[in-house]
Amino acid sequence: MSFPGDPGWWWAIGGIVLLIAEVIAPGFFLIFVGAAALATGIFTLLFGLGLTAQLVLFALYTTVAVMAGRRFYARPRGANSAPLNDRAAQLVGRRVTVTQAIDADGGRVRLGDGEWSARGGPAAVGAMVVVRRVEGNCLIVDPVVEIASSE
């Protein structure tokens, strides 16, 4: 095994450098390219692949790694896509309990360990409502509609 001219070693070293770069400056993309380069290097060392085969294999591995990463690390469906520092937008979709009857003029709901002003569809004390939007410090809510199962 000769190191300086063997492309398999260069692929492996490049892959390791990219994996280290991902650890130093995480962006969660270099890990896929680094893993693909490392795999290409291993296959090149094992099977003595030519340049064209190496490039095709690298492109294939990169594509597969990115697709797998998107599948496992993407935001789950239905997850709140509100920006992290927009706290009001993060409340949309949450279920809260009514503490003071709600109508179009107002009411109160319990959210976490505090109470918020709320307006919206009529709801009695103890009912569950869902936050539809936030206007200032008032939650606009709708009653939770439960769908009965047919058993």
C-alpha atoms as a PDB file:
ATOM      1  CA  MET A   1       0.000   0.000   0.000  1.00  0.00           C
ATOM      2  CA  SER A   2       1.480   3.286  -1.045  1.00  0.00           C
ATOM      3  CA  PHE A   3       0.079   6.378   0.593  1.00  0.00           C
ATOM      4  CA  PRO A   4       1.116   9.461  -1.416  1.00  0.00           C
ATOM      5  CA  GLY A   5      -0.346   8.470  -4.784  1.00  0.00           C
ATOM      6  CA  ASP A   6      -3.215   6.236  -3.681  1.00  0.00           C
ATOM      7  CA  PRO A   7      -6.527   8.094  -4.189  1.00  0.00           C
ATOM      8  CA  GLY A   8      -8.315   5.864  -1.666  1.00  0.00           C
ATOM      9  CA  TRP A   9      -6.236   7.347   1.145  1.00  0.00           C
ATOM     10  CA  TRP A  10      -6.895  10.887  -0.091  1.00  0.00           C
ATOM     11  CA  TRP A  11     -10.654  10.222  -0.102  1.00  0.00           C
ATOM     12  CA  ALA A  12     -10.446   8.810   3.436  1.00  0.00           C
ATOM     13  CA  ILE A  13      -8.353  11.719   4.724  1.00  0.00           C
ATOM     14  CA  GLY A  14     -10.693  14.211   3.046  1.00  0.00           C
ATOM     15  CA  GLY A  15     -13.680  12.506   4.656  1.00  0.00           C
ATOM     16  CA  ILE A  16     -12.094  12.599   8.103  1.00  0.00           C
ATOM     17  CA  VAL A  17     -11.177  16.279   7.659  1.00  0.00           C
ATOM     18  CA  LEU A  18     -14.800  17.067   6.715  1.00  0.00           C
ATOM     19  CA  LEU A  19     -16.114  15.135   9.732  1.00  0.00           C
ATOM     20  CA  ILE A  20     -13.747  17.064  12.010  1.00  0.00           C
ATOM     21  CA  ALA A  21     -14.840  20.328  10.376  1.00  0.00           C
ATOM     22  CA  GLU A  22     -18.459  19.404  11.166  1.00  0.00           C
ATOM     23  CA  VAL A  23     -17.541  18.959  14.824  1.00  0.00           C
ATOM     24  CA  ILE A  24     -15.678  22.285  14.928  1.00  0.00           C
ATOM     25  CA  ALA A  25     -18.299  24.298  13.007  1.00  0.00           C
ATOM     26  CA  PRO A  26     -21.573  22.383  13.189  1.00  0.00           C
ATOM     27  CA  GLY A  27     -23.930  23.053  10.330  1.00  0.00           C
ATOM     28  CA  PHE A  28     -25.068  19.479   9.883  1.00  0.00           C
ATOM     29  CA  PHE A  29     -24.156  19.223   6.230  1.00  0.00           C
ATOM     30  CA  LEU A  30     -20.450  18.405   6.172  1.00  0.00           C
ATOM     31  CA  ILE A  31     -21.165  15.196   8.051  1.00  0.00           C
ATOM     32  CA  PHE A  32     -22.943  13.782   4.991  1.00  0.00           C
ATOM     33  CA  VAL A  33     -20.243  14.802   2.526  1.00  0.00           C
ATOM     34  CA  GLY A  34     -17.531  13.585   4.911  1.00  0.00           C
ATOM     35  CA  ALA A  35     -19.204  10.209   5.372  1.00  0.00           C
ATOM     36  CA  ALA A  36     -19.582   9.861   1.592  1.00  0.00           C
ATOM     37  CA  ALA A  37     -15.907  10.712   1.035  1.00  0.00           C
ATOM     38  CA  LEU A  38     -14.831   8.240   3.724  1.00  0.00           C
ATOM     39  CA  ALA A  39     -16.976   5.474   2.199  1.00  0.00           C
ATOM     40  CA  THR A  40     -15.610   6.277  -1.260  1.00  0.00           C
ATOM     41  CA  GLY A  41     -12.079   6.050   0.100  1.00  0.00           C
ATOM     42  CA  ILE A  42     -12.729   2.668   1.694  1.00  0.00           C
ATOM     43  CA  PHE A  43     -14.240   1.262  -1.497  1.00  0.00           C
ATOM     44  CA  THR A  44     -11.388   2.694  -3.563  1.00  0.00           C
ATOM     45  CA  LEU A  45      -8.838   1.039  -1.275  1.00  0.00           C
ATOM     46  CA  LEU A  46     -10.691  -2.294  -1.306  1.00  0.00           C
ATOM     47  CA  PHE A  47     -11.502  -2.519  -5.001  1.00  0.00           C
ATOM     48  CA  GLY A  48      -8.972  -0.241  -6.745  1.00  0.00           C
ATOM     49  CA  LEU A  49     -11.595   1.887  -8.492  1.00  0.00           C
ATOM     50  CA  GLY A  50     -10.736   4.287 -11.304  1.00  0.00           C
ATOM     51  CA  LEU A  51     -11.387   8.022 -11.161  1.00  0.00           C
ATOM     52  CA  THR A  52     -14.745   7.883 -12.952  1.00  0.00           C
ATOM     53  CA  ALA A  53     -16.032   5.145 -10.663  1.00  0.00           C
ATOM     54  CA  GLN A  54     -14.791   7.071  -7.627  1.00  0.00           C
ATOM     55  CA  LEU A  55     -16.630  10.238  -8.653  1.00  0.00           C
ATOM     56  CA  VAL A  56     -19.838   8.351  -9.448  1.00  0.00           C
ATOM     57  CA  LEU A  57     -19.635   6.478  -6.147  1.00  0.00           C
ATOM     58  CA  PHE A  58     -18.983   9.711  -4.237  1.00  0.00           C
ATOM     59  CA  ALA A  59     -21.977  11.419  -5.882  1.00  0.00           C
ATOM     60  CA  LEU A  60     -24.162   8.409  -5.122  1.00  0.00           C
ATOM     61  CA  TYR A  61     -23.042   8.193  -1.495  1.00  0.00           C
ATOM     62  CA  THR A  62     -23.498  11.934  -0.987  1.00  0.00           C
ATOM     63  CA  THR A  63     -27.025  11.804  -2.402  1.00  0.00           C
ATOM     64  CA  VAL A  64     -27.987   8.811  -0.267  1.00  0.00           C
ATOM     65  CA  ALA A  65     -26.467  10.368   2.874  1.00  0.00           C
ATOM     66  CA  VAL A  66     -28.272  13.689   2.382  1.00  0.00           C
ATOM     67  CA  MET A  67     -31.600  11.956   1.665  1.00  0.00           C
ATOM     68  CA  ALA A  68     -31.226   9.773   4.766  1.00  0.00           C
ATOM     69  CA  GLY A  69     -30.286  12.793   6.857  1.00  0.00           C
ATOM     70  CA  ARG A  70     -33.292  14.756   5.654  1.00  0.00           C
ATOM     71  CA  ARG A  71     -35.556  11.866   6.537  1.00  0.00           C
ATOM     72  CA  PHE A  72     -34.240  11.364  10.045  1.00  0.00           C
ATOM     73  CA  TYR A  73     -33.416  14.937  11.026  1.00  0.00           C
ATOM     74  CA  ALA A  74     -36.131  16.955   9.311  1.00  0.00           C
ATOM     75  CA  ARG A  75     -38.766  18.711  11.393  1.00  0.00           C
ATOM     76  CA  PRO A  76     -41.648  16.314  12.095  1.00  0.00           C
ATOM     77  CA  ARG A  77     -44.858  16.914  10.198  1.00  0.00           C
ATOM     78  CA  GLY A  78     -47.261  19.115  12.082  1.00  0.00           C
ATOM     79  CA  ALA A  79     -44.496  20.606  14.206  1.00  0.00           C
ATOM     80  CA  ASN A  80     -44.713  24.295  14.875  1.00  0.00           C
ATOM     81  CA  SER A  81     -42.486  26.064  12.361  1.00  0.00           C
ATOM     82  CA  ALA A  82     -42.426  29.360  14.270  1.00  0.00           C
ATOM     83  CA  PRO A  83     -39.040  31.016  14.643  1.00  0.00           C
ATOM     84  CA  LEU A  84     -37.315  30.160  17.884  1.00  0.00           C
ATOM     85  CA  ASN A  85     -37.364  33.713  19.245  1.00  0.00           C
ATOM     86  CA  ASP A  86     -41.001  34.487  18.277  1.00  0.00           C
ATOM     87  CA  ARG A  87     -42.669  33.307  21.479  1.00  0.00           C
ATOM     88  CA  ALA A  88     -46.151  34.448  20.519  1.00  0.00           C
ATOM     89  CA  ALA A  89     -46.069  32.441  17.292  1.00  0.00           C
ATOM     90  CA  GLN A  90     -44.978  29.373  19.260  1.00  0.00           C
ATOM     91  CA  LEU A  91     -48.257  29.477  21.198  1.00  0.00           C
ATOM     92  CA  VAL A  92     -50.361  28.941  18.070  1.00  0.00           C
ATOM     93  CA  GLY A  93     -51.819  25.436  18.032  1.00  0.00           C
ATOM     94  CA  ARG A  94     -51.412  24.839  21.783  1.00  0.00           C
ATOM     95  CA  ARG A  95     -54.348  23.512  23.771  1.00  0.00           C
ATOM     96  CA  VAL A  96     -55.179  25.486  26.897  1.00  0.00           C
ATOM     97  CA  THR A  97     -57.783  25.222  29.670  1.00  0.00           C
ATOM     98  CA  VAL A  98     -60.422  27.896  30.196  1.00  0.00           C
ATOM     99  CA  THR A  99     -60.344  29.441  33.715  1.00  0.00           C
ATOM    100  CA  GLN A 100     -62.924  32.202  33.115  1.00  0.00           C
ATOM    101  CA  ALA A 101     -65.708  31.740  30.536  1.00  0.00           C
ATOM    102  CA  ILE A 102     -64.692  32.967  27.082  1.00  0.00           C
ATOM    103  CA  ASP A 103     -66.814  34.876  24.596  1.00  0.00           C
ATOM    104  CA  ALA A 104     -66.142  37.521  21.939  1.00  0.00           C
ATOM    105  CA  ASP A 105     -65.511  40.119  24.677  1.00  0.00           C
ATOM    106  CA  GLY A 106     -62.971  38.142  26.657  1.00  0.00           C
ATOM    107  CA  GLY A 107     -62.142  35.508  29.197  1.00  0.00           C
ATOM    108  CA  ARG A 108     -59.070  33.818  30.683  1.00  0.00           C
ATOM    109  CA  VAL A 109     -57.115  30.627  30.002  1.00  0.00           C
ATOM    110  CA  ARG A 110     -54.371  28.759  31.820  1.00  0.00           C
ATOM    111  CA  LEU A 111     -51.180  28.388  29.822  1.00  0.00           C
ATOM    112  CA  GLY A 112     -48.320  26.744  31.650  1.00  0.00           C
ATOM    113  CA  ASP A 113     -48.174  28.211  35.138  1.00  0.00           C
ATOM    114  CA  GLY A 114     -49.878  31.505  34.247  1.00  0.00           C
ATOM    115  CA  GLU A 115     -53.159  32.882  33.000  1.00  0.00           C
ATOM    116  CA  TRP A 116     -53.690  34.788  29.767  1.00  0.00           C
ATOM    117  CA  SER A 117     -56.502  36.963  28.457  1.00  0.00           C
ATOM    118  CA  ALA A 118     -58.422  35.238  25.684  1.00  0.00           C
ATOM    119  CA  ARG A 119     -61.190  35.959  23.191  1.00  0.00           C
ATOM    120  CA  GLY A 120     -62.981  33.776  20.730  1.00  0.00           C
ATOM    121  CA  GLY A 121     -65.601  31.129  20.383  1.00  0.00           C
ATOM    122  CA  PRO A 122     -67.748  30.565  23.440  1.00  0.00           C
ATOM    123  CA  ALA A 123     -66.208  28.188  25.969  1.00  0.00           C
ATOM    124  CA  ALA A 124     -67.152  27.367  29.548  1.00  0.00           C
ATOM    125  CA  VAL A 125     -64.815  27.108  32.519  1.00  0.00           C
ATOM    126  CA  GLY A 126     -62.784  23.881  32.360  1.00  0.00           C
ATOM    127  CA  ALA A 127     -63.194  23.473  28.588  1.00  0.00           C
ATOM    128  CA  MET A 128     -60.225  22.922  26.315  1.00  0.00           C
ATOM    129  CA  VAL A 129     -59.576  25.506  23.601  1.00  0.00           C
ATOM    130  CA  VAL A 130     -56.863  25.815  20.986  1.00  0.00           C
ATOM    131  CA  VAL A 131     -54.864  28.994  20.334  1.00  0.00           C
ATOM    132  CA  ARG A 132     -55.407  30.198  16.740  1.00  0.00           C
ATOM    133  CA  ARG A 133     -53.421  33.451  16.865  1.00  0.00           C
ATOM    134  CA  VAL A 134     -52.022  36.013  19.268  1.00  0.00           C
ATOM    135  CA  GLU A 135     -52.987  39.697  19.267  1.00  0.00           C
ATOM    136  CA  GLY A 136     -50.757  41.605  21.632  1.00  0.00           C
ATOM    137  CA  ASN A 137     -51.123  39.837  24.962  1.00  0.00           C
ATOM    138  CA  CYS A 138     -54.525  38.313  24.150  1.00  0.00           C
ATOM    139  CA  LEU A 139     -54.922  34.801  22.793  1.00  0.00           C
ATOM    140  CA  ILE A 140     -57.555  34.268  20.114  1.00  0.00           C
ATOM    141  CA  VAL A 141     -58.947  30.788  20.745  1.00  0.00           C
ATOM    142  CA  ASP A 142     -61.412  28.310  19.283  1.00  0.00           C
ATOM    143  CA  PRO A 143     -63.125  25.436  21.087  1.00  0.00           C
ATOM    144  CA  VAL A 144     -61.458  22.050  20.631  1.00  0.00           C
ATOM    145  CA  VAL A 145     -63.673  19.838  18.502  1.00  0.00           C
ATOM    146  CA  GLU A 146     -63.290  16.166  19.385  1.00  0.00           C
ATOM    147  CA  ILE A 147     -64.208  13.685  16.689  1.00  0.00           C
ATOM    148  CA  ALA A 148     -66.035  10.687  18.111  1.00  0.00           C
ATOM    149  CA  SER A 149     -64.846   7.289  16.978  1.00  0.00           C
ATOM    150  CA  SER A 150     -67.398   4.931  15.448  1.00  0.00           C
ATOM    151  CA  GLU A 151     -67.234   1.772  17.559  1.00  0.00           C
END
